Protein backbone atom coordinates (compact mmCIF):
# COMPACT_ATOMS: atom_id res chain seq x y z
CA MET A 1 -22.38 -14.61 -0.25
CA LYS A 2 -19.55 -16.23 -2.67
CA ILE A 3 -16.30 -15.57 -2.70
CA ARG A 4 -14.82 -16.06 -5.89
CA LEU A 5 -11.52 -17.44 -7.31
CA PRO A 6 -10.16 -14.16 -8.36
CA PHE A 7 -10.73 -12.29 -4.90
CA LEU A 8 -9.09 -15.26 -3.31
CA LEU A 9 -6.01 -15.10 -5.44
CA ALA A 10 -6.17 -11.19 -4.51
CA LEU A 11 -6.33 -12.20 -0.93
CA PHE A 12 -3.39 -14.61 -1.23
CA THR A 13 -1.34 -12.08 -3.27
CA MET A 14 -1.55 -8.80 -0.57
CA LEU A 15 -0.93 -11.39 2.50
CA LEU A 16 2.13 -12.34 0.31
CA PHE A 17 2.55 -8.56 0.13
CA GLY A 18 2.82 -7.99 3.82
CA ALA A 19 5.25 -10.71 4.38
CA PHE A 20 7.48 -9.28 1.55
CA GLU A 21 7.62 -5.76 3.27
CA MET A 22 8.75 -7.31 6.62
CA LEU A 23 11.28 -9.67 5.28
CA ARG A 24 13.31 -6.83 3.51
CA GLY A 25 13.78 -5.33 7.07
CA ILE A 26 14.06 -8.49 8.72
CA SER A 27 16.71 -9.72 5.81
CA ALA A 28 18.83 -6.57 5.57
CA PRO A 29 21.21 -7.30 8.51
CA PHE A 30 22.00 -10.94 7.53
CA MET A 31 22.32 -9.67 3.57
CA GLN A 32 24.96 -7.00 5.09
CA ALA A 33 26.95 -9.88 6.63
CA ASP A 34 26.52 -12.29 3.77
CA TRP A 35 27.78 -9.99 0.90
CA HIS A 36 30.00 -7.61 3.34
CA LEU A 37 27.56 -4.26 1.84
CA THR A 38 27.68 -0.81 3.45
CA TYR A 39 24.66 0.97 5.00
CA LEU A 40 24.65 2.70 1.74
CA GLN A 41 24.70 0.12 -0.27
CA ILE A 42 21.84 -1.62 1.77
CA GLY A 43 20.07 1.59 1.21
CA ASN A 44 20.68 1.75 -2.57
CA ILE A 45 19.55 -1.83 -2.91
CA PHE A 46 16.00 -0.58 -1.07
CA LEU A 47 15.97 2.26 -3.10
CA PHE A 48 16.35 0.17 -6.59
CA ASP A 49 13.46 -1.91 -5.32
CA SER A 50 11.56 1.27 -4.22
CA CYS A 51 12.02 2.85 -7.71
CA GLY A 52 10.80 -0.70 -9.58
CA TYR A 53 7.62 -0.57 -7.49
CA MET A 54 6.64 3.48 -8.40
CA LEU A 55 7.42 2.33 -11.93
CA GLY A 56 5.31 -0.59 -11.77
CA THR A 57 2.22 1.07 -10.28
CA PHE A 58 2.60 4.20 -12.65
CA CYS A 59 2.44 1.66 -15.50
CA CYS A 60 -0.32 -0.57 -14.54
CA GLY A 61 -3.14 1.47 -14.94
CA TRP A 62 -2.37 1.96 -18.74
CA VAL A 63 -1.71 -1.51 -19.34
CA ILE A 64 -4.07 -2.93 -17.01
CA GLY A 65 -6.52 -1.51 -19.53
CA ARG A 66 -5.13 -2.99 -22.49
CA LEU A 67 -3.83 -6.53 -21.65
CA GLY A 68 -6.38 -7.51 -19.02
CA MET A 69 -5.79 -8.31 -15.45
CA ARG A 70 -5.02 -11.50 -16.15
CA LEU A 71 -1.64 -10.92 -18.31
CA VAL A 72 -0.82 -7.90 -16.11
CA MET A 73 -0.80 -10.64 -13.11
CA ILE A 74 1.46 -13.02 -15.41
CA LEU A 75 3.51 -10.06 -15.76
CA GLY A 76 3.71 -9.14 -12.10
CA ALA A 77 4.46 -12.55 -10.98
CA THR A 78 7.17 -13.39 -13.26
CA GLY A 79 8.89 -9.97 -12.35
CA MET A 80 9.10 -11.17 -8.89
CA ALA A 81 9.78 -14.13 -9.60
CA ILE A 82 12.80 -13.44 -11.45
CA GLY A 83 13.97 -10.83 -8.89
CA THR A 84 13.80 -13.43 -5.73
CA ILE A 85 15.36 -16.46 -7.58
CA VAL A 86 18.24 -13.42 -8.17
CA ILE A 87 18.18 -12.89 -4.87
CA VAL A 88 18.20 -16.60 -3.49
CA THR A 89 20.92 -17.53 -5.71
CA GLY A 90 23.12 -14.17 -6.00
CA SER A 91 26.31 -13.43 -4.50
CA SER A 92 27.09 -9.75 -5.83
CA TYR A 93 25.90 -6.35 -4.93
CA PHE A 94 25.65 -5.50 -8.83
CA MET A 95 23.07 -8.86 -8.94
CA LEU A 96 20.85 -7.17 -5.94
CA LEU A 97 20.32 -4.05 -7.50
CA PRO A 98 18.11 -5.23 -10.87
CA ALA A 99 17.38 -8.21 -8.64
CA PHE A 100 15.14 -5.74 -6.34
CA PHE A 101 13.86 -3.79 -9.03
CA PHE A 102 12.61 -6.74 -10.92
CA LEU A 103 10.85 -7.37 -7.76
CA GLY A 104 9.67 -4.18 -6.72
CA LEU A 105 8.22 -3.86 -10.46
CA GLY A 106 6.44 -6.80 -10.23
CA ALA A 107 4.99 -6.37 -7.03
CA GLY A 108 3.85 -2.93 -8.71
CA PHE A 109 1.79 -4.43 -11.39
CA LEU A 110 0.72 -7.82 -9.00
CA GLU A 111 -0.58 -5.19 -6.44
CA ILE A 112 -2.31 -2.92 -8.82
CA ALA A 113 -3.89 -6.11 -10.60
CA ALA A 114 -5.02 -7.67 -7.29
CA ASN A 115 -6.73 -4.30 -6.29
CA ASP A 116 -8.64 -3.74 -9.55
CA VAL A 117 -10.12 -7.67 -8.92
CA VAL A 118 -12.45 -5.50 -6.75
CA PRO A 119 -13.96 -2.96 -9.35
CA ALA A 120 -14.11 -5.71 -11.81
CA MET A 121 -16.40 -8.29 -9.62
CA GLU A 122 -18.41 -5.54 -7.07
CA LYS A 123 -20.06 -2.14 -8.70
CA THR A 124 -21.70 -0.36 -5.81
CA GLN A 125 -19.15 1.63 -3.81
CA GLU A 126 -20.49 -0.13 -0.42
CA GLY A 127 -19.58 -3.28 -2.00
CA GLN A 128 -16.03 -2.21 -3.12
CA ALA A 129 -15.43 -0.55 0.65
CA ARG A 130 -15.94 -3.85 2.36
CA TYR A 131 -14.04 -6.12 -0.18
CA PHE A 132 -10.98 -3.14 -0.31
CA ASN A 133 -10.73 -3.03 3.79
CA TRP A 134 -10.74 -6.96 3.67
CA LEU A 135 -7.94 -6.94 1.01
CA HIS A 136 -5.97 -4.43 2.76
CA GLY A 137 -6.58 -5.84 5.94
CA VAL A 138 -4.83 -9.69 5.25
CA TYR A 139 -1.69 -7.19 3.87
CA GLY A 140 -1.56 -5.94 7.79
CA LEU A 141 -2.73 -9.75 9.00
CA GLY A 142 0.84 -10.87 6.74
CA ALA A 143 2.89 -7.78 8.11
CA CYS A 144 1.83 -8.80 11.62
CA LEU A 145 2.43 -12.53 11.55
CA PHE A 146 5.40 -13.29 8.78
CA PRO A 147 8.21 -11.46 11.41
CA LEU A 148 7.67 -14.15 13.67
CA VAL A 149 7.43 -17.10 10.76
CA ALA A 150 10.48 -15.62 9.14
CA ALA A 151 12.13 -15.49 12.68
CA GLY A 152 11.29 -18.80 13.32
CA LEU A 153 12.65 -20.22 9.71
CA ILE A 154 15.91 -18.11 10.10
CA SER A 155 16.62 -20.02 13.45
CA THR A 156 15.68 -23.52 12.05
CA PHE A 157 17.42 -23.60 8.83
CA GLY A 158 20.37 -20.98 9.81
CA ASN A 159 19.84 -19.33 6.30
CA TRP A 160 17.42 -16.47 5.35
CA ARG A 161 17.32 -17.30 2.15
CA TRP A 162 15.22 -20.05 2.67
CA VAL A 163 12.54 -17.32 3.70
CA TYR A 164 12.44 -16.00 0.34
CA GLY A 165 12.83 -19.09 -1.08
CA LEU A 166 9.49 -20.05 0.57
CA LEU A 167 8.19 -16.33 -0.91
CA LEU A 168 8.91 -17.68 -3.94
CA PHE A 169 7.16 -20.87 -3.86
CA ALA A 170 3.80 -18.29 -3.02
CA VAL A 171 4.73 -16.11 -6.24
CA LEU A 172 4.84 -19.16 -8.47
CA VAL A 173 1.65 -20.22 -6.84
CA ILE A 174 0.04 -17.11 -8.03
CA LEU A 175 1.73 -17.10 -11.61
CA VAL A 176 0.36 -20.99 -11.96
CA VAL A 177 -2.94 -20.22 -11.15
CA ALA A 178 -2.91 -17.51 -13.38
CA LEU A 179 -2.11 -19.23 -16.40
CA VAL A 180 -4.01 -22.40 -15.57
CA ARG A 181 -7.62 -20.56 -14.51
CA LYS A 182 -8.01 -18.65 -17.60
CA ARG A 183 -11.51 -18.32 -18.02
CA SER A 184 -11.63 -17.86 -13.87
CA LEU A 185 -9.98 -14.95 -14.12
CA LEU A 186 -11.01 -12.77 -17.03
CA LEU A 187 -13.06 -10.45 -15.46
CA ARG A 188 -12.86 -7.89 -17.92
CA MET A 189 -11.85 -7.72 -21.38
CA PRO A 190 -9.01 -5.85 -22.10
CA LYS A 191 -9.41 -2.24 -23.72
CA THR A 192 -7.95 -1.87 -26.83
CA LYS A 193 -6.87 1.48 -28.63
CA PRO A 194 -5.23 1.47 -32.12
CA ALA A 195 -1.79 2.88 -31.99
CA GLY A 196 -1.92 6.43 -32.22
CA GLU A 197 -5.08 7.31 -31.36
CA ALA A 198 -6.09 10.48 -29.89
CA LEU A 199 -7.47 10.30 -26.20
CA LYS A 200 -11.21 10.30 -26.21
CA PRO A 201 -13.41 12.92 -24.37
CA ASN A 202 -14.01 10.23 -21.31
CA ASP A 203 -9.91 10.11 -21.28
CA ARG A 204 -9.51 13.70 -21.15
CA GLY A 205 -12.45 13.70 -18.39
CA LEU A 206 -10.63 11.72 -16.02
CA PHE A 207 -7.14 14.19 -15.96
CA ARG A 208 -9.67 17.11 -16.01
CA SER A 209 -11.64 16.04 -13.09
CA PRO A 210 -10.68 17.84 -9.94
CA LEU A 211 -12.20 15.08 -7.70
CA LEU A 212 -9.22 12.74 -9.21
CA TYR A 213 -6.42 15.22 -7.48
CA ALA A 214 -8.79 15.13 -4.80
CA PHE A 215 -8.67 11.79 -4.00
CA LEU A 216 -4.52 11.53 -4.76
CA GLY A 217 -4.44 14.51 -2.33
CA CYS A 218 -6.24 12.26 0.14
CA ILE A 219 -4.08 9.07 -0.53
CA VAL A 220 -0.53 11.27 -0.34
CA THR A 221 -1.53 13.22 3.09
CA TYR A 222 -3.49 9.66 4.65
CA VAL A 223 0.42 7.78 3.87
CA MET A 224 2.46 10.57 4.95
CA ALA A 225 0.64 9.97 8.21
CA GLU A 226 0.75 6.59 8.30
CA MET A 227 4.54 6.40 7.11
CA THR A 228 5.48 8.87 10.24
CA ILE A 229 4.33 5.94 12.44
CA ALA A 230 5.78 3.21 10.66
CA ALA A 231 9.54 5.03 10.12
CA TRP A 232 9.68 7.32 13.05
CA LEU A 233 7.70 6.20 15.85
CA PRO A 234 10.28 3.82 17.50
CA THR A 235 12.76 6.48 17.36
CA PHE A 236 10.52 8.73 18.85
CA LEU A 237 9.74 6.69 21.80
CA MET A 238 13.07 5.94 22.44
CA ARG A 239 14.76 9.28 21.87
CA ILE A 240 12.53 11.53 23.19
CA LYS A 241 10.15 9.54 25.84
CA GLY A 242 12.94 7.56 27.04
CA LEU A 243 11.69 3.91 25.89
CA THR A 244 13.64 1.07 25.55
CA VAL A 245 14.06 -0.94 22.51
CA GLY A 246 11.74 -3.19 23.12
CA HIS A 247 8.92 -1.26 24.27
CA SER A 248 9.18 1.34 21.29
CA SER A 249 8.81 -1.71 19.05
CA ALA A 250 5.74 -3.26 21.14
CA TYR A 251 4.20 0.17 20.57
CA LEU A 252 4.57 -0.37 16.67
CA SER A 253 3.70 -4.03 16.74
CA GLY A 254 0.39 -2.84 18.82
CA PHE A 255 -0.53 -0.20 15.96
CA TYR A 256 -0.32 -2.76 13.57
CA LEU A 257 -2.65 -5.30 14.92
CA ALA A 258 -5.23 -2.83 16.02
CA PHE A 259 -4.28 -1.49 12.35
CA THR A 260 -5.06 -5.26 10.96
CA ILE A 261 -8.17 -5.74 13.34
CA GLY A 262 -9.39 -2.61 12.52
CA ARG A 263 -9.43 -3.30 8.63
CA LEU A 264 -10.77 -7.11 9.01
CA SER A 265 -13.80 -5.25 11.01
CA ALA A 266 -14.57 -2.68 8.85
CA PRO A 267 -17.26 -3.89 6.47
CA LEU A 268 -19.92 -4.25 10.33
CA TRP A 269 -19.40 -0.61 10.30
CA VAL A 270 -17.89 1.38 7.56
CA ASN A 271 -21.37 1.20 5.04
CA LYS A 272 -23.60 2.23 7.62
CA VAL A 273 -22.28 5.74 8.33
CA GLY A 274 -21.09 5.85 4.59
CA ASN A 275 -17.41 6.37 2.93
CA VAL A 276 -16.82 9.62 3.42
CA SER A 277 -18.12 9.85 7.04
CA ALA A 278 -16.10 6.85 7.96
CA ILE A 279 -12.89 8.62 6.44
CA LEU A 280 -13.37 12.05 8.43
CA MET A 281 -14.23 10.01 11.44
CA SER A 282 -11.21 8.32 11.53
CA ALA A 283 -8.73 11.21 11.08
CA LEU A 284 -10.30 13.21 13.61
CA VAL A 285 -10.34 10.44 15.72
CA ALA A 286 -6.79 9.59 14.72
CA ILE A 287 -5.86 13.38 15.99
CA LEU A 288 -7.57 12.75 19.24
CA PHE A 289 -6.11 9.43 20.07
CA LEU A 290 -2.29 10.47 18.96
CA SER A 291 -2.63 14.08 20.73
CA LEU A 292 -3.45 12.34 24.09
CA ALA A 293 -0.34 9.47 23.18
CA ILE A 294 2.24 12.43 22.46
CA PHE A 295 1.32 14.99 25.26
CA GLY A 296 -0.53 12.79 27.68
CA GLY A 297 2.54 11.17 29.85
CA PRO A 298 3.70 7.67 29.85
CA TYR A 299 0.41 6.32 31.06
CA PHE A 300 -1.05 7.15 27.68
CA HIS A 301 1.21 5.85 25.28
CA THR A 302 -0.97 3.11 24.81
CA PHE A 303 -3.08 5.49 22.51
CA PHE A 304 -0.45 4.63 19.81
CA TRP A 305 -1.92 1.18 19.69
CA LEU A 306 -5.62 2.58 19.39
CA ALA A 307 -4.66 4.78 16.56
CA GLY A 308 -4.07 1.75 14.57
CA PHE A 309 -7.95 1.51 14.60
CA ALA A 310 -8.39 4.73 13.45
CA PHE A 311 -5.65 4.97 10.81
CA ALA A 312 -7.07 0.98 9.48
CA VAL A 313 -10.06 2.11 7.15
CA ILE A 314 -8.86 4.97 5.49
CA PHE A 315 -6.51 3.78 3.15
CA PRO A 316 -9.09 1.24 1.51
CA THR A 317 -12.09 3.58 1.56
CA ILE A 318 -10.30 5.91 -0.11
CA ALA A 319 -9.22 3.66 -2.91
CA ALA A 320 -13.26 2.10 -3.13
CA MET A 321 -14.46 5.74 -3.92
CA ALA A 322 -12.10 6.15 -6.05
CA SER A 323 -12.63 3.23 -8.15
CA SER A 324 -16.41 3.59 -7.97
CA MET A 325 -16.58 6.72 -9.24
CA PHE A 326 -14.12 6.49 -12.36
CA PRO A 327 -15.68 2.62 -13.33
CA GLU A 328 -14.35 3.13 -16.80
CA HIS A 329 -10.67 3.79 -15.26
CA SER A 330 -10.42 1.96 -12.42
CA GLY A 331 -7.25 0.33 -13.18
CA ARG A 332 -5.48 3.63 -14.33
CA VAL A 333 -6.90 5.51 -11.12
CA LEU A 334 -5.54 2.67 -8.76
CA GLY A 335 -2.07 3.25 -10.42
CA MET A 336 -2.39 7.01 -10.15
CA LEU A 337 -3.16 6.04 -6.45
CA PHE A 338 -0.70 3.87 -5.22
CA THR A 339 1.98 5.62 -7.16
CA SER A 340 0.83 8.99 -5.43
CA ALA A 341 1.20 6.77 -1.95
CA SER A 342 4.57 5.61 -2.95
CA ILE A 343 5.94 9.31 -3.91
CA GLY A 344 4.34 10.26 -0.51
CA THR A 345 6.67 7.60 1.01
CA PHE A 346 9.77 8.96 -0.60
CA CYS A 347 8.83 12.38 0.46
CA VAL A 348 7.77 11.91 4.30
CA ASN A 349 10.96 10.25 5.28
CA TRP A 350 13.31 13.62 3.96
CA LEU A 351 10.84 15.82 5.12
CA ILE A 352 10.83 14.78 8.40
CA GLY A 353 14.68 14.18 8.49
CA ALA A 354 15.16 17.63 7.24
CA ILE A 355 13.05 19.15 10.37
CA SER A 356 14.17 16.75 12.81
CA THR A 357 18.18 18.00 11.98
CA LEU A 358 17.02 21.76 12.01
CA LEU A 359 14.23 21.82 14.72
CA GLY A 360 14.78 18.25 16.61
CA LEU A 361 12.93 14.98 16.29
CA ALA A 362 10.29 16.31 18.62
CA THR A 363 8.81 19.33 16.18
CA GLY A 364 9.50 16.80 12.62
CA PHE A 365 7.41 14.08 14.31
CA LEU A 366 4.60 16.33 15.27
CA ILE A 367 4.61 17.09 11.34
CA ILE A 368 2.17 13.86 11.55
CA PHE A 369 -0.80 16.11 12.48
CA VAL A 370 -0.40 18.59 9.59
CA PHE A 371 -0.60 15.78 7.53
CA LEU A 372 -3.54 14.56 8.83
CA ILE A 373 -5.45 17.81 8.98
CA ALA A 374 -4.60 17.73 5.36
CA LEU A 375 -6.19 14.62 4.75
CA VAL A 376 -9.29 15.90 6.88
CA ILE A 377 -9.28 18.98 4.51
CA SER A 378 -8.82 17.18 1.25
CA ILE A 379 -11.74 14.34 2.14
CA VAL A 380 -14.33 17.69 2.73
CA ILE A 381 -13.19 18.74 -0.48
CA VAL A 382 -13.81 15.35 -1.46
CA ALA A 383 -17.27 15.33 -0.55
CA ARG A 384 -17.67 18.44 -2.34
CA LEU A 385 -16.55 18.03 -5.67
CA LYS A 386 -18.67 14.16 -5.69
CA HIS A 387 -21.53 16.80 -6.26
CA ILE A 388 -20.26 18.89 -8.98
CA SER A 389 -17.87 16.65 -10.63
CA THR A 390 -18.23 17.79 -14.18
CA TYR A 391 -16.56 13.82 -15.04
CA PRO A 392 -19.88 12.39 -15.78
CA ALA A 393 -19.99 14.76 -18.71
CA PHE A 394 -17.01 13.31 -20.27
CA LYS A 395 -18.17 9.56 -19.93
CA LYS A 396 -21.15 10.71 -21.95
CA GLY A 397 -18.24 12.14 -24.58
CA ALA A 398 -19.14 16.02 -24.10
CA SER A 399 -16.14 18.02 -25.10
């Protein structure tokens, strides 16, 4: 199997995203000390980053159909480069706010473009599932390894900005490749419409399709379950289970290590059982493993690690199914999926915080089972709608 340049660039991009995600948390204490920021100001900085990302993913599906994947990659890399340069050179809170907004905006554009490489180069649902799992597995690899790299660089150079400088260099590599290798990256010609032209029937069919919203339901419920682990597991283990900070962090790291291994190994089994079955089985196994980890006592805490395997294939497999079911609008569909994912991330932290405040953290953390059960219901609805969806009729021009 020949790996083409666009997919290699997409892999490098996702590895970079994993690194940026981890660096944000690692650098926060150093930013706070250097610029004398309050916790509220740090929160506002990261909020601007998330708002930029949401705007980027929301707009990118529309933009990619008109400008093409290559130009969107150029715009995304440029936005990330601008934001990172200001972070490296800036010295003011009010400079950091737009810097992180541009960083998030560029990341949203670049991530959708990287994911849209898969449906552009692979048309079968099985092939897309394989490539999406590799793509998102590399993201997990960056998230697992970069904290160690960042800690080593900060210890060596004594300056956290050097680490952002390293990532800036990586962003510039993406930008240069996109600018120079025009022919290699032109996987899909942009689709243009005259200004003011009404939506074609197939466009209306996309937004009228219940299948699209079932996929969005799958993504939102999955992301809310994963973010419960990512944001609240250490706190739950410390406050409720009485573990130390080191042990609690180790369980989270173990979860994402298994998560990464699960994604990289997904092509060995997902296509054999089918995408719907793989998601359904993974969600049910996740419920089982988390039940054992939460209710089974100290010796069962290692099931938090094993739950990472269960979570691993769900997101990329949903993305593969959705893009293959709507091939004419894969960029737009991926943009909606990632925007929905970011909305889910916003909602889950507020929801768990509110429930934990009212009823206690033990109850708040247990809402993860509600998300996973909702995911099971959503994927069953997807399986049903795949057979009765009216979207193909719109693709053929029916009104």
